[in-house]
Amino acid sequence: MADLFGKELQVLARSLDFCVQRNNLIAANLANADTPGYKAVRIDFEEALQQMVEQQGGKEIRRTDPKHFPLDPAVMQVKPEIYIREESVKRDGNSVDMDEEIAKMSINQIRYNAGAEVLNKLFKGLEYAIQEGGQ
């Protein structure tokens, strides 16, 4: 039961968490686009997530209930890298490029929607198997 979806479910869920985190940072950048001296913040998690997927699983972490699915500790240990854009694009020292931020937000939204759709399909398949198995 623990390997029902393998690492796929955990990786998708973690990826969606990172997309939300990225969206929040982009929103903060946009909110501070006119703040003198503000430095835009970037988050990169795709490379760390890809490296984790390529690794073999580790030990099981503690669960509060034996019925819970075990989480792969490798998935939970993936941490995004946060970068600060130092080069200014404006005279006041602000490094927020509005066009770039809006484009990144759009791409991030597409990634989030795609991940959510795949996750939804995994659960729909499980629901179908449960319903058909009961007949």
N, C-alpha and C. Protein backbone atom coordinates (compact mmCIF):
# COMPACT_ATOMS: atom_id res chain seq x y z
N MET A 1 0.82 -1.19 0.00
CA MET A 1 0.00 0.00 0.00
C MET A 1 0.86 1.26 0.00
N ALA A 2 2.02 1.17 0.67
CA ALA A 2 2.89 2.33 0.78
C ALA A 2 3.42 2.76 -0.59
N ASP A 3 3.59 1.81 -1.49
CA ASP A 3 4.12 2.12 -2.80
C ASP A 3 3.01 2.21 -3.85
N LEU A 4 1.83 2.61 -3.45
CA LEU A 4 0.70 2.68 -4.35
C LEU A 4 1.01 3.53 -5.58
N PHE A 5 1.60 4.68 -5.37
CA PHE A 5 1.98 5.55 -6.48
C PHE A 5 3.50 5.72 -6.57
N GLY A 6 4.25 5.00 -5.77
CA GLY A 6 5.68 5.20 -5.74
C GLY A 6 5.99 6.59 -5.23
N LYS A 7 7.01 7.20 -5.78
CA LYS A 7 7.39 8.55 -5.38
C LYS A 7 6.58 9.61 -6.11
N GLU A 8 5.85 9.20 -7.11
CA GLU A 8 5.14 10.15 -7.97
C GLU A 8 4.22 11.08 -7.18
N LEU A 9 3.44 10.52 -6.29
CA LEU A 9 2.50 11.32 -5.50
C LEU A 9 3.24 12.34 -4.63
N GLN A 10 4.28 11.88 -3.97
CA GLN A 10 5.03 12.77 -3.08
C GLN A 10 5.76 13.86 -3.86
N VAL A 11 6.33 13.51 -4.99
CA VAL A 11 7.04 14.49 -5.80
C VAL A 11 6.06 15.54 -6.34
N LEU A 12 4.91 15.09 -6.80
CA LEU A 12 3.90 16.03 -7.29
C LEU A 12 3.42 16.97 -6.19
N ALA A 13 3.15 16.42 -5.02
CA ALA A 13 2.69 17.25 -3.91
C ALA A 13 3.75 18.26 -3.51
N ARG A 14 4.99 17.83 -3.44
CA ARG A 14 6.09 18.74 -3.07
C ARG A 14 6.28 19.81 -4.15
N SER A 15 6.16 19.41 -5.39
CA SER A 15 6.28 20.36 -6.51
C SER A 15 5.20 21.43 -6.42
N LEU A 16 3.98 21.03 -6.09
CA LEU A 16 2.90 22.00 -5.94
C LEU A 16 3.17 22.95 -4.78
N ASP A 17 3.73 22.41 -3.69
CA ASP A 17 4.11 23.27 -2.57
C ASP A 17 5.11 24.33 -3.01
N PHE A 18 6.08 23.92 -3.80
CA PHE A 18 7.10 24.86 -4.27
C PHE A 18 6.51 25.89 -5.23
N CYS A 19 5.56 25.46 -6.05
CA CYS A 19 4.91 26.41 -6.95
C CYS A 19 4.18 27.50 -6.16
N VAL A 20 3.54 27.10 -5.07
CA VAL A 20 2.87 28.09 -4.22
C VAL A 20 3.90 29.04 -3.62
N GLN A 21 5.01 28.48 -3.16
CA GLN A 21 6.07 29.31 -2.58
C GLN A 21 6.62 30.28 -3.63
N ARG A 22 6.83 29.79 -4.84
CA ARG A 22 7.33 30.65 -5.92
C ARG A 22 6.32 31.75 -6.23
N ASN A 23 5.04 31.40 -6.27
CA ASN A 23 4.01 32.39 -6.56
C ASN A 23 4.02 33.51 -5.51
N ASN A 24 4.19 33.13 -4.24
CA ASN A 24 4.25 34.13 -3.18
C ASN A 24 5.44 35.07 -3.33
N LEU A 25 6.59 34.52 -3.72
CA LEU A 25 7.77 35.36 -3.93
C LEU A 25 7.58 36.30 -5.12
N ILE A 26 7.00 35.80 -6.19
CA ILE A 26 6.75 36.64 -7.36
C ILE A 26 5.77 37.76 -7.00
N ALA A 27 4.74 37.41 -6.23
CA ALA A 27 3.77 38.42 -5.80
C ALA A 27 4.45 39.49 -4.94
N ALA A 28 5.36 39.08 -4.08
CA ALA A 28 6.11 40.04 -3.25
C ALA A 28 6.98 40.94 -4.13
N ASN A 29 7.61 40.35 -5.14
CA ASN A 29 8.42 41.14 -6.07
C ASN A 29 7.56 42.18 -6.78
N LEU A 30 6.40 41.76 -7.26
CA LEU A 30 5.51 42.70 -7.95
C LEU A 30 5.01 43.79 -7.01
N ALA A 31 4.72 43.43 -5.77
CA ALA A 31 4.24 44.41 -4.80
C ALA A 31 5.30 45.45 -4.47
N ASN A 32 6.56 45.05 -4.61
CA ASN A 32 7.66 45.96 -4.29
C ASN A 32 8.35 46.53 -5.52
N ALA A 33 7.69 46.46 -6.65
CA ALA A 33 8.29 46.93 -7.91
C ALA A 33 8.67 48.41 -7.87
N ASP A 34 8.00 49.20 -7.05
CA ASP A 34 8.29 50.63 -6.96
C ASP A 34 9.02 51.01 -5.67
N THR A 35 9.48 50.02 -4.92
CA THR A 35 10.20 50.29 -3.68
C THR A 35 11.68 50.51 -3.99
N PRO A 36 12.19 51.70 -3.71
CA PRO A 36 13.61 51.96 -3.98
C PRO A 36 14.52 50.99 -3.21
N GLY A 37 15.48 50.43 -3.92
CA GLY A 37 16.46 49.55 -3.31
C GLY A 37 16.00 48.10 -3.13
N TYR A 38 14.75 47.78 -3.46
CA TYR A 38 14.27 46.41 -3.30
C TYR A 38 14.94 45.50 -4.31
N LYS A 39 15.36 44.34 -3.85
CA LYS A 39 16.00 43.35 -4.71
C LYS A 39 15.05 42.18 -4.94
N ALA A 40 14.80 41.88 -6.19
CA ALA A 40 13.89 40.78 -6.55
C ALA A 40 14.45 39.45 -6.05
N VAL A 41 13.53 38.57 -5.64
CA VAL A 41 13.90 37.26 -5.10
C VAL A 41 13.44 36.19 -6.08
N ARG A 42 14.28 35.19 -6.28
CA ARG A 42 13.97 34.06 -7.16
C ARG A 42 14.07 32.78 -6.35
N ILE A 43 13.30 31.80 -6.77
CA ILE A 43 13.36 30.49 -6.13
C ILE A 43 13.52 29.44 -7.22
N ASP A 44 14.42 28.48 -7.00
CA ASP A 44 14.66 27.42 -7.97
C ASP A 44 14.58 26.08 -7.24
N PHE A 45 13.66 25.24 -7.64
CA PHE A 45 13.52 23.94 -7.00
C PHE A 45 13.56 22.80 -8.00
N GLU A 46 13.44 23.08 -9.28
CA GLU A 46 13.34 22.00 -10.27
C GLU A 46 14.58 21.10 -10.27
N GLU A 47 15.76 21.68 -10.18
CA GLU A 47 16.98 20.88 -10.21
C GLU A 47 17.09 20.01 -8.96
N ALA A 48 16.78 20.57 -7.80
CA ALA A 48 16.83 19.79 -6.56
C ALA A 48 15.82 18.66 -6.59
N LEU A 49 14.63 18.92 -7.11
CA LEU A 49 13.60 17.90 -7.21
C LEU A 49 14.01 16.80 -8.18
N GLN A 50 14.62 17.17 -9.30
CA GLN A 50 15.08 16.20 -10.28
C GLN A 50 16.17 15.29 -9.70
N GLN A 51 17.09 15.87 -8.94
CA GLN A 51 18.14 15.08 -8.31
C GLN A 51 17.55 14.09 -7.31
N MET A 52 16.54 14.53 -6.56
CA MET A 52 15.89 13.67 -5.59
C MET A 52 15.21 12.49 -6.29
N VAL A 53 14.54 12.76 -7.40
CA VAL A 53 13.83 11.71 -8.13
C VAL A 53 14.81 10.64 -8.61
N GLU A 54 16.01 11.06 -8.99
CA GLU A 54 17.00 10.12 -9.50
C GLU A 54 17.64 9.27 -8.41
N GLN A 55 17.54 9.72 -7.17
CA GLN A 55 18.13 8.97 -6.07
C GLN A 55 17.23 7.81 -5.67
N GLN A 56 17.83 6.85 -5.00
CA GLN A 56 17.04 5.73 -4.45
C GLN A 56 16.43 6.17 -3.14
N GLY A 57 15.32 5.53 -2.74
CA GLY A 57 14.63 5.88 -1.49
C GLY A 57 15.50 5.64 -0.28
N GLY A 58 15.15 6.31 0.80
CA GLY A 58 15.88 6.18 2.05
C GLY A 58 15.04 5.51 3.11
N LYS A 59 15.34 5.81 4.37
CA LYS A 59 14.59 5.23 5.48
C LYS A 59 13.22 5.89 5.59
N GLU A 60 12.33 5.18 6.19
CA GLU A 60 10.97 5.68 6.39
C GLU A 60 10.95 6.65 7.57
N ILE A 61 10.22 7.76 7.46
CA ILE A 61 10.12 8.70 8.57
C ILE A 61 8.96 8.29 9.49
N ARG A 62 8.91 8.89 10.67
CA ARG A 62 7.91 8.54 11.67
C ARG A 62 6.52 8.97 11.21
N ARG A 63 5.54 8.11 11.44
CA ARG A 63 4.14 8.41 11.13
C ARG A 63 3.36 8.46 12.43
N THR A 64 2.32 9.28 12.47
CA THR A 64 1.50 9.39 13.67
C THR A 64 0.44 8.31 13.74
N ASP A 65 0.17 7.66 12.63
CA ASP A 65 -0.83 6.60 12.58
C ASP A 65 -0.34 5.54 11.60
N PRO A 66 -0.40 4.28 11.96
CA PRO A 66 0.09 3.23 11.06
C PRO A 66 -0.66 3.15 9.73
N LYS A 67 -1.85 3.75 9.66
CA LYS A 67 -2.62 3.73 8.42
C LYS A 67 -2.16 4.79 7.43
N HIS A 68 -1.36 5.74 7.88
CA HIS A 68 -0.87 6.79 6.99
C HIS A 68 0.15 6.23 6.01
N PHE A 69 0.18 6.80 4.82
CA PHE A 69 1.21 6.42 3.86
C PHE A 69 2.56 6.91 4.37
N PRO A 70 3.60 6.10 4.25
CA PRO A 70 4.91 6.59 4.65
C PRO A 70 5.42 7.61 3.63
N LEU A 71 6.11 8.62 4.12
CA LEU A 71 6.70 9.62 3.23
C LEU A 71 8.16 9.29 3.02
N ASP A 72 8.61 9.49 1.82
CA ASP A 72 10.02 9.28 1.51
C ASP A 72 10.79 10.47 2.06
N PRO A 73 11.75 10.24 2.93
CA PRO A 73 12.48 11.37 3.51
C PRO A 73 13.24 12.18 2.46
N ALA A 74 13.62 11.55 1.36
CA ALA A 74 14.33 12.28 0.31
C ALA A 74 13.44 13.38 -0.27
N VAL A 75 12.14 13.12 -0.38
CA VAL A 75 11.22 14.12 -0.91
C VAL A 75 11.10 15.29 0.06
N MET A 76 10.99 14.99 1.33
CA MET A 76 10.79 16.04 2.32
C MET A 76 12.05 16.88 2.54
N GLN A 77 13.21 16.34 2.20
CA GLN A 77 14.46 17.06 2.42
C GLN A 77 14.82 17.98 1.26
N VAL A 78 14.09 17.90 0.16
CA VAL A 78 14.38 18.79 -0.97
C VAL A 78 14.06 20.21 -0.57
N LYS A 79 15.04 21.06 -0.66
CA LYS A 79 14.87 22.47 -0.31
C LYS A 79 15.16 23.32 -1.55
N PRO A 80 14.30 24.29 -1.81
CA PRO A 80 14.55 25.17 -2.96
C PRO A 80 15.70 26.12 -2.68
N GLU A 81 16.36 26.53 -3.74
CA GLU A 81 17.40 27.55 -3.61
C GLU A 81 16.77 28.91 -3.87
N ILE A 82 17.07 29.85 -3.00
CA ILE A 82 16.53 31.20 -3.15
C ILE A 82 17.66 32.13 -3.54
N TYR A 83 17.42 32.89 -4.59
CA TYR A 83 18.41 33.82 -5.12
C TYR A 83 17.88 35.24 -5.02
N ILE A 84 18.79 36.16 -4.82
CA ILE A 84 18.44 37.58 -4.83
C ILE A 84 19.07 38.20 -6.06
N ARG A 85 18.25 38.86 -6.84
CA ARG A 85 18.74 39.50 -8.06
C ARG A 85 19.41 40.83 -7.67
N GLU A 86 20.71 40.84 -7.72
CA GLU A 86 21.47 42.01 -7.27
C GLU A 86 21.54 43.13 -8.31
N GLU A 87 21.61 42.77 -9.59
CA GLU A 87 21.75 43.80 -10.61
C GLU A 87 20.46 44.63 -10.72
N SER A 88 20.60 45.90 -10.61
CA SER A 88 19.45 46.81 -10.65
C SER A 88 18.99 47.04 -12.08
N VAL A 89 17.69 47.14 -12.26
CA VAL A 89 17.14 47.45 -13.57
C VAL A 89 16.61 48.88 -13.60
N LYS A 90 16.63 49.51 -12.43
CA LYS A 90 16.14 50.89 -12.33
C LYS A 90 17.20 51.75 -11.65
N ARG A 91 17.10 53.03 -11.81
CA ARG A 91 18.06 53.96 -11.20
C ARG A 91 17.99 53.96 -9.67
N ASP A 92 16.84 53.66 -9.11
CA ASP A 92 16.69 53.70 -7.65
C ASP A 92 17.20 52.45 -6.95
N GLY A 93 17.84 51.54 -7.69
CA GLY A 93 18.41 50.33 -7.10
C GLY A 93 17.47 49.15 -7.06
N ASN A 94 16.26 49.32 -7.53
CA ASN A 94 15.27 48.25 -7.55
C ASN A 94 15.61 47.28 -8.70
N SER A 95 15.54 45.98 -8.41
CA SER A 95 15.89 44.99 -9.44
C SER A 95 14.69 44.21 -9.95
N VAL A 96 13.47 44.72 -9.73
CA VAL A 96 12.27 44.03 -10.21
C VAL A 96 11.97 44.45 -11.64
N ASP A 97 11.89 43.47 -12.52
CA ASP A 97 11.48 43.70 -13.91
C ASP A 97 10.04 43.21 -14.02
N MET A 98 9.10 44.14 -14.11
CA MET A 98 7.67 43.80 -14.10
C MET A 98 7.31 42.77 -15.18
N ASP A 99 7.79 42.99 -16.40
CA ASP A 99 7.46 42.07 -17.50
C ASP A 99 7.97 40.66 -17.21
N GLU A 100 9.18 40.59 -16.70
CA GLU A 100 9.78 39.29 -16.38
C GLU A 100 9.00 38.60 -15.26
N GLU A 101 8.62 39.34 -14.24
CA GLU A 101 7.87 38.77 -13.12
C GLU A 101 6.51 38.25 -13.56
N ILE A 102 5.82 39.01 -14.38
CA ILE A 102 4.50 38.58 -14.87
C ILE A 102 4.63 37.32 -15.72
N ALA A 103 5.67 37.27 -16.55
CA ALA A 103 5.91 36.07 -17.37
C ALA A 103 6.20 34.86 -16.48
N LYS A 104 7.03 35.06 -15.46
CA LYS A 104 7.35 33.96 -14.54
C LYS A 104 6.12 33.50 -13.78
N MET A 105 5.25 34.44 -13.42
CA MET A 105 4.03 34.06 -12.72
C MET A 105 3.12 33.22 -13.62
N SER A 106 3.05 33.59 -14.89
CA SER A 106 2.23 32.83 -15.84
C SER A 106 2.76 31.42 -16.02
N ILE A 107 4.07 31.29 -16.17
CA ILE A 107 4.69 29.97 -16.32
C ILE A 107 4.47 29.14 -15.07
N ASN A 108 4.62 29.77 -13.91
CA ASN A 108 4.42 29.07 -12.65
C ASN A 108 2.98 28.58 -12.51
N GLN A 109 2.03 29.38 -12.95
CA GLN A 109 0.62 28.99 -12.88
C GLN A 109 0.34 27.80 -13.78
N ILE A 110 0.95 27.79 -14.95
CA ILE A 110 0.79 26.67 -15.88
C ILE A 110 1.37 25.40 -15.26
N ARG A 111 2.53 25.51 -14.63
CA ARG A 111 3.15 24.34 -13.98
C ARG A 111 2.27 23.83 -12.84
N TYR A 112 1.75 24.75 -12.06
CA TYR A 112 0.89 24.36 -10.94
C TYR A 112 -0.36 23.64 -11.45
N ASN A 113 -1.01 24.22 -12.46
CA ASN A 113 -2.22 23.61 -13.02
C ASN A 113 -1.94 22.23 -13.59
N ALA A 114 -0.81 22.08 -14.27
CA ALA A 114 -0.45 20.78 -14.84
C ALA A 114 -0.22 19.75 -13.73
N GLY A 115 0.51 20.14 -12.69
CA GLY A 115 0.75 19.23 -11.57
C GLY A 115 -0.52 18.84 -10.86
N ALA A 116 -1.40 19.82 -10.65
CA ALA A 116 -2.68 19.54 -9.99
C ALA A 116 -3.54 18.60 -10.84
N GLU A 117 -3.48 18.77 -12.14
CA GLU A 117 -4.24 17.90 -13.04
C GLU A 117 -3.73 16.46 -13.00
N VAL A 118 -2.42 16.30 -12.99
CA VAL A 118 -1.84 14.95 -12.90
C VAL A 118 -2.21 14.31 -11.57
N LEU A 119 -2.12 15.08 -10.50
CA LEU A 119 -2.49 14.58 -9.18
C LEU A 119 -3.96 14.18 -9.15
N ASN A 120 -4.79 14.98 -9.76
CA ASN A 120 -6.22 14.69 -9.84
C ASN A 120 -6.45 13.38 -10.59
N LYS A 121 -5.73 13.17 -11.69
CA LYS A 121 -5.89 11.95 -12.47
C LYS A 121 -5.44 10.71 -11.68
N LEU A 122 -4.39 10.86 -10.87
CA LEU A 122 -3.96 9.74 -10.03
C LEU A 122 -5.08 9.33 -9.08
N PHE A 123 -5.70 10.30 -8.46
CA PHE A 123 -6.77 10.00 -7.51
C PHE A 123 -8.03 9.52 -8.21
N LYS A 124 -8.31 10.02 -9.39
CA LYS A 124 -9.47 9.53 -10.16
C LYS A 124 -9.27 8.06 -10.52
N GLY A 125 -8.03 7.70 -10.89
CA GLY A 125 -7.73 6.30 -11.20
C GLY A 125 -7.90 5.42 -9.98
N LEU A 126 -7.49 5.90 -8.83
CA LEU A 126 -7.65 5.15 -7.59
C LEU A 126 -9.14 5.02 -7.26
N GLU A 127 -9.88 6.10 -7.41
CA GLU A 127 -11.32 6.07 -7.15
C GLU A 127 -12.02 5.06 -8.07
N TYR A 128 -11.62 5.06 -9.34
CA TYR A 128 -12.20 4.12 -10.30
C TYR A 128 -11.90 2.67 -9.87
N ALA A 129 -10.66 2.42 -9.47
CA ALA A 129 -10.28 1.07 -9.04
C ALA A 129 -11.07 0.64 -7.82
N ILE A 130 -11.30 1.56 -6.90
CA ILE A 130 -12.07 1.23 -5.70
C ILE A 130 -13.52 0.94 -6.04
N GLN A 131 -14.11 1.77 -6.88
CA GLN A 131 -15.51 1.58 -7.25
C GLN A 131 -15.73 0.31 -8.05
N GLU A 132 -14.84 0.02 -8.99
CA GLU A 132 -14.97 -1.17 -9.81
C GLU A 132 -14.67 -2.44 -8.98
N GLY A 133 -13.76 -2.29 -8.03
CA GLY A 133 -13.42 -3.44 -7.19
C GLY A 133 -14.56 -3.84 -6.26
N GLY A 134 -15.43 -2.89 -5.94
CA GLY A 134 -16.53 -3.18 -5.03
C GLY A 134 -17.74 -3.81 -5.73
N GLN A 135 -17.69 -3.94 -7.04
CA GLN A 135 -18.84 -4.47 -7.76
C GLN A 135 -18.69 -5.95 -8.05
